[in-house]
Amino acid sequence: MNIKTVGKSGQISLGKALAGMDFILEELPDGDIILKRAIVIPANERWLHEPAMQQRLARAEKWLQDHPFKETDIDRLEDSLSATA
């Protein structure tokens, strides 16, 4: 356990290991304060974390694993596109 003192500016230093992390600050009725580490997801990205989207992303990841990248033969692609036009 460490004892921290609130400085004149009203701040407490938690150390470099926690720098840049987000926290939820909970003030209890008795005056105690609890800090909980948090992961903040911007509102416009929340849809990516919905269960249905997570399932779709997992299927896409599986498809990518089953179908490795390969170089496209541009000449062959061009010929096939010309034949269908």
Protein backbone atom coordinates (compact mmCIF):
# COMPACT_ATOMS: atom_id res chain seq x y z
CA MET A 1 0.00 0.00 0.00
CA ASN A 2 1.20 3.49 -0.86
CA ILE A 3 0.13 6.76 0.68
CA LYS A 4 -0.41 9.58 -1.81
CA THR A 5 -0.86 13.24 -0.96
CA VAL A 6 -3.04 15.54 -3.01
CA GLY A 7 -0.90 18.40 -4.24
CA LYS A 8 -1.79 22.10 -4.23
CA SER A 9 -3.24 21.74 -7.73
CA GLY A 10 -5.62 19.00 -6.54
CA GLN A 11 -3.82 16.21 -8.34
CA ILE A 12 -2.37 12.85 -7.28
CA SER A 13 0.44 11.19 -9.21
CA LEU A 14 -0.15 7.48 -9.75
CA GLY A 15 3.17 6.86 -11.47
CA LYS A 16 4.40 6.35 -15.01
CA ALA A 17 3.13 2.75 -15.20
CA LEU A 18 -0.45 4.09 -15.25
CA ALA A 19 0.20 7.09 -17.48
CA GLY A 20 -2.32 7.41 -20.30
CA MET A 21 -4.79 4.91 -18.81
CA ASP A 22 -8.45 5.77 -18.30
CA PHE A 23 -10.12 5.41 -14.92
CA ILE A 24 -13.58 5.59 -13.42
CA LEU A 25 -13.54 7.66 -10.25
CA GLU A 26 -16.16 6.55 -7.75
CA GLU A 27 -16.85 8.76 -4.76
CA LEU A 28 -18.42 6.86 -1.86
CA PRO A 29 -20.82 8.48 0.65
CA ASP A 30 -18.20 8.27 3.41
CA GLY A 31 -15.74 10.34 1.33
CA ASP A 32 -13.57 7.44 0.16
CA ILE A 33 -12.62 7.38 -3.50
CA ILE A 34 -12.22 4.27 -5.64
CA LEU A 35 -10.35 4.34 -8.94
CA LYS A 36 -11.16 1.58 -11.40
CA ARG A 37 -9.22 1.08 -14.61
CA ALA A 38 -11.51 1.44 -17.61
CA ILE A 39 -11.50 0.87 -21.33
CA VAL A 40 -13.28 3.70 -23.09
CA ILE A 41 -14.90 2.95 -26.44
CA PRO A 42 -15.94 5.96 -28.52
CA ALA A 43 -19.71 6.01 -29.17
CA ASN A 44 -19.24 5.87 -32.94
CA GLU A 45 -17.17 2.63 -32.59
CA ARG A 46 -19.45 0.85 -30.12
CA TRP A 47 -21.17 -1.10 -32.91
CA LEU A 48 -17.91 -2.99 -33.51
CA HIS A 49 -18.23 -4.53 -30.03
CA GLU A 50 -21.84 -5.70 -30.34
CA PRO A 51 -22.19 -9.53 -30.25
CA ALA A 52 -23.63 -9.80 -33.78
CA MET A 53 -20.73 -7.79 -35.23
CA GLN A 54 -18.19 -9.78 -33.23
CA GLN A 55 -19.62 -12.96 -34.80
CA ARG A 56 -19.38 -11.47 -38.29
CA LEU A 57 -15.80 -10.35 -37.66
CA ALA A 58 -14.90 -13.83 -36.36
CA ARG A 59 -16.33 -15.39 -39.55
CA ALA A 60 -14.38 -12.91 -41.68
CA GLU A 61 -11.19 -13.72 -39.76
CA LYS A 62 -11.77 -17.46 -40.31
CA TRP A 63 -12.35 -16.85 -44.03
CA LEU A 64 -9.10 -14.91 -44.24
CA GLN A 65 -7.23 -17.76 -42.54
CA ASP A 66 -8.73 -20.28 -44.98
CA HIS A 67 -8.04 -18.08 -48.03
CA PRO A 68 -4.48 -16.74 -47.80
CA PHE A 69 -3.49 -13.67 -49.76
CA LYS A 70 -2.00 -14.23 -53.18
CA GLU A 71 -0.68 -11.89 -55.82
CA THR A 72 -3.16 -10.95 -58.52
CA ASP A 73 -2.17 -11.58 -62.12
CA ILE A 74 -3.25 -8.21 -63.52
CA ASP A 75 -3.04 -9.29 -67.18
CA ARG A 76 -5.23 -12.34 -66.54
CA LEU A 77 -7.73 -10.24 -64.57
CA GLU A 78 -7.86 -7.66 -67.34
CA ASP A 79 -8.45 -10.38 -69.94
CA SER A 80 -11.27 -11.92 -67.89
CA LEU A 81 -12.92 -8.52 -67.42
CA SER A 82 -12.63 -7.75 -71.16
CA ALA A 83 -14.22 -11.10 -72.02
CA THR A 84 -17.30 -10.35 -69.90
CA ALA A 85 -17.77 -6.79 -71.18
